[in-house]
């Protein structure tokens, strides 16, 4: 009996160690995204007035959080982005799953495209979505072309689609398109 009691004690201690070693991502449900709107930070040219260089990058607040990426996926469906972007594969709107980005693949550039809209069809969503929702949508759009950490991408789709899940997409290196 003493040997089985020692085994049980060792098993319980081992399980307690593994449970304590598990680390779960932090879910920030109602956090305020950066106060400065990235739409004012998007550069059109490398030319800037004066001797001071303005910092034009904004760190993506939700790109590495799986919950935020899944929320962005929900907004992608709710805002009918698939109507133009065909689940990311491109349709009337440009593809979001390839390595060619017309207006840039940086988070602040995607934020500006969603918030301000683009010529020839992309509507502005700055009055329909909050900054936090737009950032979550940015995180999902970047996951379509594997531009965020693999652990933050969705592992499955909740409905039938032809495309593979975002987690199965290999990492990509985007390039800027020369198309208007």
Foldseek 3Di string as FASTA:
>chain_A
DVVVVVVVVVVVVVVVVVVVPDDDDDDDPDDDDDPDQLLVLDDPDCDDPDDDDDDRADDQPPQAAQVLLVLLVVVCVVVVVCVAQVSQCGDVHGHLQAQEDAQDLGLSSQLNCAQPNDPPDGHHCVVPDPSSNSSSNSSNSCLSNQNGDLVNFDQQDPDDDDDHGSSPHDHDHHDYDPDD
